[in-house]
Protein backbone atom coordinates (compact mmCIF):
# COMPACT_ATOMS: atom_id res chain seq x y z
CA MET A 1 62.88 -17.15 53.04
CA LEU A 2 60.13 -16.80 50.50
CA ARG A 3 60.57 -19.40 47.81
CA HIS A 4 58.98 -18.30 44.54
CA ARG A 5 58.23 -21.72 43.16
CA LEU A 6 55.09 -22.81 41.39
CA SER A 7 54.11 -25.87 39.49
CA SER A 8 53.05 -24.98 35.96
CA ALA A 9 49.35 -25.45 36.65
CA VAL A 10 49.27 -23.33 39.79
CA ALA A 11 51.63 -20.77 38.26
CA ALA A 12 49.19 -20.13 35.45
CA LEU A 13 46.35 -19.58 37.91
CA VAL A 14 48.33 -17.25 40.16
CA LEU A 15 49.63 -15.25 37.21
CA LEU A 16 46.08 -14.93 35.97
CA GLY A 17 45.12 -13.42 39.33
CA ALA A 18 48.17 -11.15 39.38
CA ALA A 19 47.40 -9.83 35.90
CA THR A 20 44.06 -8.37 36.85
CA ALA A 21 43.70 -4.65 37.42
CA PRO A 22 44.84 -3.64 40.90
CA VAL A 23 42.17 -2.89 43.46
CA PRO A 24 42.47 0.77 44.52
CA LEU A 25 43.05 1.25 48.21
CA ALA A 26 43.02 4.63 49.89
CA ALA A 27 46.01 5.82 51.88
CA GLN A 28 45.53 4.53 55.38
CA GLU A 29 47.81 3.23 58.13
CA PRO A 30 49.31 0.80 57.28
CA THR A 31 49.55 1.70 53.59
CA ALA A 32 51.32 -1.35 52.18
CA ALA A 33 49.40 -3.62 49.83
CA THR A 34 51.26 -6.60 48.41
CA PRO A 35 50.47 -9.53 46.12
CA PRO A 36 50.14 -12.81 47.98
CA GLY A 37 52.89 -14.92 46.37
CA LEU A 38 53.62 -18.29 47.91
CA PRO A 39 53.76 -18.95 51.64
CA PRO A 40 57.21 -18.73 53.22
CA VAL A 41 58.92 -22.11 53.35
CA ASP A 42 59.64 -23.32 56.87
CA ALA A 43 62.90 -25.28 56.77
CA ARG A 44 61.66 -27.71 59.44
CA ILE A 45 58.50 -28.49 57.49
CA GLN A 46 60.51 -28.85 54.28
CA ALA A 47 62.79 -31.36 56.01
CA ALA A 48 59.72 -33.39 57.02
CA VAL A 49 58.35 -33.24 53.48
CA ASP A 50 61.68 -34.44 52.08
CA ALA A 51 61.81 -37.31 54.60
CA ILE A 52 58.67 -38.99 53.21
CA SER A 53 59.83 -42.47 52.19
CA ALA A 54 58.54 -44.40 49.20
CA ASP A 55 60.07 -47.60 50.57
CA ARG A 56 58.14 -47.32 53.84
CA MET A 57 54.93 -46.62 51.97
CA ARG A 58 55.47 -49.65 49.74
CA SER A 59 55.96 -51.76 52.86
CA THR A 60 52.71 -50.41 54.31
CA LEU A 61 50.83 -51.26 51.12
CA GLU A 62 52.30 -54.77 51.04
CA HIS A 63 51.17 -55.37 54.61
CA LEU A 64 47.65 -54.07 53.99
CA VAL A 65 47.13 -56.13 50.83
CA ALA A 66 48.48 -59.24 52.59
CA PHE A 67 45.49 -59.25 54.97
CA GLY A 68 43.44 -60.57 52.04
CA THR A 69 40.28 -58.62 52.80
CA ARG A 70 39.67 -55.67 55.07
CA HIS A 71 35.91 -55.68 54.63
CA THR A 72 34.15 -54.07 57.58
CA LEU A 73 32.40 -57.36 58.44
CA SER A 74 35.43 -59.58 57.82
CA ASP A 75 37.32 -61.71 60.37
CA THR A 76 38.37 -59.90 63.55
CA VAL A 77 40.03 -62.86 65.34
CA SER A 78 42.67 -64.04 62.88
CA GLN A 79 46.15 -62.60 63.26
CA THR A 80 46.80 -62.70 59.52
CA ARG A 81 43.53 -62.09 57.68
CA GLY A 82 40.66 -59.64 57.89
CA ILE A 83 39.97 -56.19 59.26
CA GLY A 84 40.82 -57.12 62.85
CA ALA A 85 44.36 -58.12 61.93
CA ALA A 86 44.68 -54.99 59.79
CA ARG A 87 43.66 -52.59 62.54
CA ARG A 88 45.92 -54.27 65.09
CA TRP A 89 48.85 -53.96 62.69
CA ILE A 90 48.07 -50.25 62.08
CA HIS A 91 47.83 -49.68 65.84
CA ALA A 92 51.15 -51.46 66.42
CA THR A 93 52.81 -49.43 63.66
CA LEU A 94 51.65 -46.15 65.19
CA GLU A 95 52.72 -47.36 68.65
CA ASP A 96 56.18 -48.01 67.22
CA TYR A 97 56.31 -44.42 65.92
CA ALA A 98 55.21 -43.25 69.38
CA ARG A 99 58.06 -45.13 71.06
CA ARG A 100 60.54 -43.58 68.67
CA CYS A 101 59.44 -40.05 69.67
CA ASP A 102 59.31 -40.79 73.42
CA GLY A 103 55.55 -41.10 73.52
CA CYS A 104 54.70 -37.96 71.54
CA LEU A 105 51.87 -39.81 69.75
CA GLU A 106 48.76 -40.83 71.71
CA VAL A 107 47.57 -43.97 69.91
CA SER A 108 44.06 -45.29 70.47
CA TYR A 109 41.19 -47.30 69.06
CA ASP A 110 38.02 -45.30 68.33
CA PRO A 111 35.10 -47.77 68.18
CA HIS A 112 31.56 -47.15 66.93
CA ASP A 113 28.72 -49.68 66.69
CA VAL A 114 26.69 -48.75 63.63
CA VAL A 115 23.78 -50.34 61.78
CA ILE A 116 24.62 -50.73 58.09
CA GLN A 117 21.49 -49.29 56.49
CA ARG A 118 22.46 -50.13 52.92
CA PHE A 119 22.56 -53.89 53.62
CA ALA A 120 19.19 -55.65 53.41
CA SER A 121 19.81 -57.52 56.67
CA HIS A 122 20.77 -54.27 58.48
CA PRO A 123 23.64 -55.84 60.45
CA THR A 124 25.35 -53.96 63.26
CA ALA A 125 29.01 -53.34 62.47
CA HIS A 126 31.70 -52.79 65.09
CA VAL A 127 33.57 -50.05 63.23
CA VAL A 128 36.95 -49.22 64.74
CA ASN A 129 39.07 -46.25 63.72
CA VAL A 130 42.75 -46.20 64.68
CA LEU A 131 43.88 -42.74 65.78
CA ALA A 132 47.19 -41.13 66.70
CA ARG A 133 47.27 -37.64 68.22
CA LEU A 134 50.33 -35.39 68.10
CA ARG A 135 49.40 -32.96 70.84
CA GLY A 136 49.73 -29.26 70.13
CA SER A 137 52.23 -27.18 72.09
CA SER A 138 50.46 -23.83 72.54
CA ASP A 139 46.96 -24.37 71.10
CA PRO A 140 46.17 -28.05 71.76
CA ASP A 141 42.39 -27.66 71.55
CA ARG A 142 42.69 -26.70 67.88
CA VAL A 143 42.77 -29.86 65.76
CA VAL A 144 43.91 -30.64 62.22
CA VAL A 145 42.63 -34.03 61.02
CA VAL A 146 44.06 -36.18 58.21
CA THR A 147 42.50 -39.53 57.31
CA GLY A 148 42.50 -42.47 54.93
CA HIS A 149 40.16 -45.47 55.18
CA TYR A 150 41.75 -48.86 55.74
CA ASP A 151 38.67 -51.01 55.00
CA SER A 152 38.26 -52.56 51.57
CA CYS A 153 35.55 -54.32 49.59
CA ILE A 154 34.62 -55.87 46.28
CA CYS A 155 31.39 -53.87 46.33
CA SER A 156 31.08 -53.85 42.54
CA VAL A 157 30.80 -57.66 42.72
CA SER A 158 28.97 -58.01 46.04
CA GLN A 159 28.33 -55.44 48.75
CA GLU A 160 28.19 -57.98 51.58
CA ASP A 161 30.97 -60.40 50.58
CA SER A 162 33.28 -60.24 53.59
CA THR A 163 35.32 -63.39 52.93
CA SER A 164 36.64 -63.19 49.35
CA ASP A 165 39.90 -61.38 48.66
CA ALA A 166 39.48 -57.59 48.51
CA PRO A 167 43.07 -56.30 48.25
CA GLY A 168 42.11 -52.61 48.27
CA ALA A 169 45.58 -51.46 47.24
CA ASP A 170 44.50 -48.15 45.75
CA ASP A 171 41.09 -47.90 47.48
CA ASP A 172 42.22 -47.17 50.03
CA GLY A 173 45.52 -48.74 50.95
CA SER A 174 47.12 -45.77 49.22
CA GLY A 175 45.38 -43.22 51.45
CA THR A 176 46.13 -45.24 54.58
CA ALA A 177 49.81 -45.37 53.58
CA VAL A 178 49.79 -41.58 53.23
CA VAL A 179 48.36 -41.11 56.73
CA LEU A 180 50.81 -43.51 58.38
CA GLU A 181 53.83 -42.00 56.65
CA VAL A 182 52.83 -38.41 57.44
CA ALA A 183 52.34 -39.51 61.07
CA ARG A 184 55.83 -41.01 61.08
CA VAL A 185 57.68 -38.00 59.71
CA LEU A 186 55.78 -35.31 61.64
CA SER A 187 56.15 -37.16 64.96
CA GLU A 188 59.83 -37.73 64.22
CA ARG A 189 60.52 -34.12 63.20
CA PHE A 190 58.19 -32.43 65.72
CA PRO A 191 58.28 -34.66 68.83
CA HIS A 192 57.19 -31.71 71.00
CA GLY A 193 54.34 -30.94 68.63
CA LEU A 194 53.35 -27.97 66.53
CA PRO A 195 51.06 -25.28 68.01
CA ALA A 196 47.87 -27.19 67.09
CA THR A 197 47.08 -30.86 67.66
CA ILE A 198 47.19 -33.20 64.65
CA VAL A 199 44.90 -36.24 64.54
CA PHE A 200 46.06 -38.98 62.16
CA GLY A 201 43.15 -41.32 61.46
CA ALA A 202 42.96 -44.68 59.74
CA VAL A 203 39.17 -44.89 59.59
CA ALA A 204 36.92 -47.87 58.85
CA GLY A 205 33.47 -48.52 57.43
CA GLU A 206 33.89 -46.06 54.57
CA GLU A 207 32.66 -48.52 51.98
CA GLN A 208 29.40 -49.05 53.89
CA GLY A 209 28.55 -45.35 54.13
CA LEU A 210 31.35 -43.28 55.72
CA LEU A 211 30.66 -44.93 59.07
CA GLY A 212 33.97 -44.45 60.86
CA SER A 213 34.55 -40.90 59.68
CA THR A 214 30.99 -39.94 60.63
CA GLY A 215 31.61 -41.27 64.13
CA LEU A 216 34.87 -39.32 64.39
CA ALA A 217 33.42 -36.08 63.02
CA ASP A 218 30.38 -36.28 65.29
CA GLU A 219 32.62 -37.03 68.26
CA LEU A 220 34.79 -33.99 67.63
CA ALA A 221 31.78 -31.75 66.94
CA ALA A 222 30.20 -32.78 70.25
CA ASP A 223 33.31 -31.77 72.20
CA THR A 224 32.79 -28.05 72.78
CA SER A 225 36.41 -27.64 73.89
CA VAL A 226 37.71 -28.65 70.46
CA VAL A 227 38.08 -26.39 67.42
CA VAL A 228 38.43 -28.42 64.20
CA ALA A 229 40.66 -26.29 62.00
CA ALA A 230 40.61 -28.59 58.97
CA ASP A 231 40.04 -32.14 57.75
CA MET A 232 41.74 -33.78 54.79
CA THR A 233 40.99 -37.27 53.54
CA ASN A 234 43.10 -39.26 51.10
CA ASP A 235 41.11 -41.78 49.09
CA ILE A 236 42.28 -43.45 45.87
CA VAL A 237 45.61 -41.65 45.53
CA GLY A 238 47.79 -44.30 43.90
CA ASP A 239 47.01 -44.98 40.23
CA VAL A 240 48.50 -42.77 37.51
CA ARG A 241 47.07 -44.64 34.48
CA GLY A 242 43.56 -43.82 33.32
CA GLN A 243 41.00 -46.48 32.49
CA LYS A 244 40.71 -45.14 28.93
CA GLY A 245 44.34 -44.21 28.43
CA GLY A 246 46.65 -41.46 29.54
CA VAL A 247 49.16 -41.12 32.35
CA ASP A 248 49.21 -38.34 34.94
CA SER A 249 51.81 -38.53 37.68
CA LEU A 250 52.18 -34.77 38.10
CA ARG A 251 48.82 -33.73 39.57
CA VAL A 252 46.44 -34.64 42.34
CA ARG A 253 42.84 -33.51 42.59
CA VAL A 254 41.51 -31.81 45.70
CA PHE A 255 37.71 -31.75 45.92
CA ALA A 256 36.24 -28.86 47.90
CA GLY A 257 32.53 -28.26 48.36
CA GLU A 258 30.35 -25.16 48.48
CA PRO A 259 30.07 -22.32 49.24
CA ASP A 260 32.51 -20.63 46.86
CA ASP A 261 34.38 -18.69 49.53
CA GLY A 262 33.60 -21.03 52.39
CA PRO A 263 35.98 -23.06 54.56
CA ALA A 264 36.40 -26.03 52.20
CA ARG A 265 37.30 -23.89 49.20
CA GLN A 266 39.71 -21.87 51.34
CA LEU A 267 41.40 -25.10 52.41
CA GLY A 268 41.59 -26.24 48.79
CA ARG A 269 43.32 -23.02 47.77
CA PHE A 270 45.63 -23.25 50.77
CA ALA A 271 46.57 -26.80 49.73
CA ALA A 272 47.29 -25.70 46.15
CA GLN A 273 49.62 -22.89 47.16
CA THR A 274 51.28 -24.75 50.03
CA GLY A 275 51.85 -27.78 47.83
CA ALA A 276 53.42 -25.58 45.17
CA ALA A 277 55.81 -24.07 47.72
CA TYR A 278 56.96 -27.34 49.29
CA ALA A 279 56.56 -29.87 46.45
CA PRO A 280 57.30 -28.02 43.19
CA GLY A 281 56.52 -29.84 39.98
CA PHE A 282 53.53 -31.62 41.51
CA ALA A 283 50.33 -29.64 41.13
CA VAL A 284 47.24 -29.61 43.30
CA GLU A 285 44.24 -29.24 41.01
CA LEU A 286 41.34 -27.67 42.88
CA ILE A 287 37.99 -29.18 41.87
CA GLU A 288 35.13 -26.95 42.97
CA ARG A 289 32.82 -29.82 43.83
CA LEU A 290 32.26 -31.75 47.06
CA ASP A 291 33.30 -35.04 45.44
CA ARG A 292 33.11 -36.96 42.19
CA ILE A 293 29.60 -37.19 40.73
CA GLN A 294 27.40 -39.53 42.79
CA ARG A 295 30.41 -40.55 44.90
CA GLY A 296 31.53 -39.59 48.38
CA GLY A 297 34.40 -39.72 50.84
CA ASP A 298 35.35 -39.36 54.48
CA HIS A 299 35.64 -35.56 54.33
CA ILE A 300 31.87 -35.23 53.85
CA PRO A 301 30.86 -35.78 57.51
CA PHE A 302 33.27 -32.97 58.46
CA TRP A 303 31.96 -30.71 55.68
CA ARG A 304 28.42 -31.29 56.92
CA HIS A 305 29.50 -29.86 60.28
CA GLY A 306 30.73 -26.73 58.48
CA TYR A 307 34.44 -27.54 58.83
CA ALA A 308 37.10 -26.89 56.21
CA ALA A 309 37.20 -30.38 54.65
CA VAL A 310 38.60 -31.66 51.35
CA ARG A 311 39.36 -34.90 49.54
CA PHE A 312 42.62 -35.82 47.77
CA SER A 313 42.21 -38.19 44.82
CA GLU A 314 44.27 -39.22 41.79
CA THR A 315 43.49 -37.35 38.56
CA LEU A 316 42.90 -40.37 36.28
CA GLU A 317 40.70 -43.01 37.87
CA ASN A 318 40.38 -46.58 36.70
CA TYR A 319 37.00 -47.75 37.92
CA LEU A 320 37.86 -51.36 36.97
CA HIS A 321 40.46 -51.25 39.76
CA GLN A 322 38.06 -50.01 42.44
CA HIS A 323 35.74 -52.20 44.56
CA ARG A 324 36.98 -55.23 42.64
CA PRO A 325 39.47 -58.08 43.08
CA ASP A 326 41.73 -56.29 40.58
CA ASP A 327 42.56 -53.45 43.01
CA ARG A 328 46.06 -54.89 43.35
CA LEU A 329 49.41 -53.41 44.35
CA GLU A 330 50.80 -53.77 40.84
CA PHE A 331 48.48 -50.97 39.70
CA VAL A 332 49.68 -48.51 42.35
CA SER A 333 52.51 -46.08 41.60
CA VAL A 334 54.36 -45.74 44.91
CA PRO A 335 56.40 -42.71 43.75
CA TYR A 336 53.09 -40.98 43.01
CA VAL A 337 51.71 -41.86 46.44
CA ARG A 338 54.88 -40.38 47.92
CA ARG A 339 54.24 -37.05 46.20
CA VAL A 340 50.69 -37.00 47.52
CA ALA A 341 52.04 -37.69 51.01
CA GLN A 342 54.53 -34.84 50.64
CA VAL A 343 51.75 -32.38 49.86
CA ASN A 344 49.76 -33.73 52.81
CA ALA A 345 52.70 -33.32 55.16
CA ALA A 346 53.27 -29.75 54.00
CA VAL A 347 49.62 -28.74 54.33
CA VAL A 348 48.99 -30.45 57.67
CA ALA A 349 52.17 -29.08 59.27
CA SER A 350 51.61 -25.59 57.86
CA LEU A 351 48.06 -25.49 59.20
CA ALA A 352 49.14 -26.77 62.61
CA ALA A 353 51.99 -24.24 62.76
CA ALA A 354 49.83 -21.25 61.82
CA PRO A 355 47.58 -19.21 64.10
CA ARG A 356 43.86 -19.92 64.27
CA THR A 357 41.61 -18.75 61.47
CA PRO A 358 40.08 -15.42 62.59
CA THR A 359 36.47 -15.48 63.77
CA GLY A 360 33.75 -12.95 64.50
CA LEU A 361 34.17 -11.22 61.14
CA ARG A 362 31.81 -8.29 60.51
CA MET A 363 31.50 -6.15 57.40
CA THR A 364 29.47 -2.92 57.56
CA ARG A 365 28.91 -0.23 54.94
CA VAL A 366 30.23 3.19 55.95
CA MET A 367 27.21 5.34 55.16
CA GLU A 368 29.19 8.59 55.45
CA SER A 369 30.93 7.53 52.24
CA GLY A 370 27.62 6.94 50.54
CA GLY A 371 28.12 3.23 51.13
CA SER A 372 31.24 2.72 48.99
CA ASP A 373 33.58 2.17 51.98
CA TRP A 374 33.41 -0.78 54.34
CA GLN A 375 34.23 -1.11 58.00
CA LEU A 376 35.80 -4.50 58.70
CA ALA A 377 36.08 -5.89 62.22
CA TRP A 378 37.00 -9.21 63.81
CA GLU A 379 37.89 -10.86 67.09
CA ALA A 380 41.50 -11.18 68.22
CA VAL A 381 42.93 -14.66 67.59
CA PRO A 382 43.56 -16.50 70.89
CA ASN A 383 46.34 -18.91 71.92
CA ALA A 384 48.89 -17.46 69.51
CA PRO A 385 51.96 -16.23 71.42
CA ASP A 386 53.83 -15.60 68.15
CA LEU A 387 50.97 -13.76 66.44
CA ALA A 388 52.40 -10.98 64.26
CA GLY A 389 49.25 -9.55 62.73
CA TYR A 390 46.43 -9.86 60.24
CA GLU A 391 46.06 -9.48 56.49
CA VAL A 392 42.94 -8.41 54.61
CA THR A 393 42.74 -10.49 51.44
CA ILE A 394 41.05 -9.50 48.19
CA ARG A 395 39.98 -11.83 45.39
CA GLY A 396 37.78 -11.19 42.39
CA THR A 397 34.81 -13.54 42.35
CA THR A 398 36.19 -15.26 39.24
CA GLU A 399 39.84 -15.23 40.28
CA PRO A 400 41.27 -18.59 41.35
CA PHE A 401 43.42 -17.12 44.13
CA VAL A 402 43.74 -14.00 46.24
CA SER A 403 45.32 -11.26 44.12
CA ARG A 404 45.91 -8.54 46.74
CA VAL A 405 46.81 -8.59 50.39
CA VAL A 406 46.68 -5.63 52.79
CA PRO A 407 48.65 -6.10 56.03
CA VAL A 408 46.86 -4.34 58.90
CA GLY A 409 49.16 -5.19 61.80
CA MET A 410 47.61 -6.13 65.13
CA MET A 411 44.48 -4.05 64.63
CA THR A 412 41.11 -5.79 64.89
CA SER A 413 39.31 -3.36 62.59
CA TYR A 414 40.05 -1.73 59.28
CA THR A 415 38.27 0.60 56.86
CA LEU A 416 38.39 -0.66 53.29
CA ARG A 417 38.10 2.34 51.01
CA ASP A 418 37.57 2.93 47.30
CA THR A 419 36.83 -0.67 46.37
CA GLN A 420 33.74 -2.03 44.71
CA ALA A 421 33.43 -4.81 47.26
CA ASP A 422 30.27 -6.12 45.57
CA ASP A 423 32.57 -7.55 42.87
CA LEU A 424 35.07 -9.07 45.28
CA TRP A 425 35.56 -11.65 48.00
CA ILE A 426 37.04 -9.89 51.01
CA GLY A 427 38.72 -12.10 53.60
CA LEU A 428 41.07 -12.10 56.56
CA ARG A 429 43.90 -14.30 57.74
CA ALA A 430 46.30 -14.24 60.69
CA TYR A 431 50.06 -14.76 60.52
CA ASP A 432 52.86 -15.34 63.00
CA ARG A 433 56.41 -14.07 63.22
CA ALA A 434 57.70 -17.00 61.17
CA GLY A 435 55.27 -16.20 58.35
CA HIS A 436 52.88 -19.13 58.85
CA ARG A 437 49.43 -18.07 57.67
CA SER A 438 46.03 -19.29 58.75
CA LEU A 439 43.22 -20.27 56.44
CA ILE A 440 41.32 -17.27 55.13
CA ALA A 441 37.97 -16.44 56.69
CA SER A 442 35.57 -14.58 54.43
CA PHE A 443 33.55 -11.48 55.27
CA HIS A 444 30.35 -13.15 54.07
CA ASN A 445 27.06 -11.38 53.57
CA PRO A 446 24.87 -13.89 55.45
CA GLU A 447 21.82 -13.09 53.33
CA ALA A 448 23.72 -14.00 50.17
CA GLN A 449 24.98 -17.39 51.33
CA PRO A 450 23.09 -20.51 50.24
CA ALA A 451 22.47 -23.32 52.66
CA ALA A 452 25.00 -26.14 52.40
CA ALA A 453 24.31 -28.18 49.29
CA SER A 454 22.88 -31.64 49.77
CA ALA A 455 25.71 -34.13 49.94
CA PRO A 456 25.90 -36.82 47.26
CA ARG A 457 25.18 -40.42 48.10
CA PRO A 458 28.16 -41.85 50.02
CA ARG A 459 29.94 -44.59 48.15
């Protein structure tokens, strides 16, 4: 059942798109052209979203802060203090979730030995990610990744201080709590998996240069059998009070890098509309930038590989509570973190449930029309037993969201007539019989696409 629900922020954007003049489309089989609306709400995904627990997330945050410091070079032997104790606790927590779902989660350590270039002594760090895989049922080689970094630091005081307390409640205990809770509810609600595999990652070494996430992204990119459908990182998603005043508990920012109609931006738009459908009243604010100015996060290594990759972050940051001893639990709003986790659960599950994003898109002028018509073609989506068809999507270059959708059934080509495509972004998505929709792939003109922008300095 299509649920027409929008948060006020997203509603304004979608209405703006819907108010534009319709794009003329010539009569052609099939003839229907419909506005996009919100995605259909899957009752099973909604139940998972509703099951996100603030109490469990508070418990996770209390445990993480209690380790004193989680600096990448901190103690690895103690059972109660340092990054070693933290990663063993995260591993044990995920193993507990795995037992509860009869082993549906594959829990593992993912180690990487990396030289920390930003430290003068250039020490080698043993960076260990903690991963849990919920294997896909029909398309297991397609992977949706969601991460938060569990390391902490007081980098604003001293980059290399690995012994003093660095509570890291917001940065990034909050993001780690999101990942663990989404892993709990999705493994509990989908013990036999969704079509695609989901990788839940508590990554390390972020504060020293995105070390753990770079290792994970490179690892996945090197595996030619794997298709990374999307990556989402949650970093600093817990504080609702701004450093210079103001309170915002009703929005979360999603940072999505260039190009304008590339994979990251498509994922950002998908997150905004999916969040509005499953978590009304809590808006996803799409920021068309890779990250905050001169800052960086764990989605960047995935973006550099050309994957759809975005960062979730609170809307009002307090920089005095980041990389400092004052990043304490008392400054984290657990109800807010819960809402961020709900959006994550909805987006991750929706992506994993949907067919693959179409590939092999080609867009050719039909010269018999004088060049005003376009022949669109694409490859059939594999590993999708419930595939119901494809939709051509149309968005003005200044519109925030797709404003027209043309269903084309199971065809793998379509002639787009009577449109001034030069003024539009033309895309394609696949959908299944339950209405789950893939990310949109764009019919890019390769000559018009800039090279990927240089990434900002990692924080």
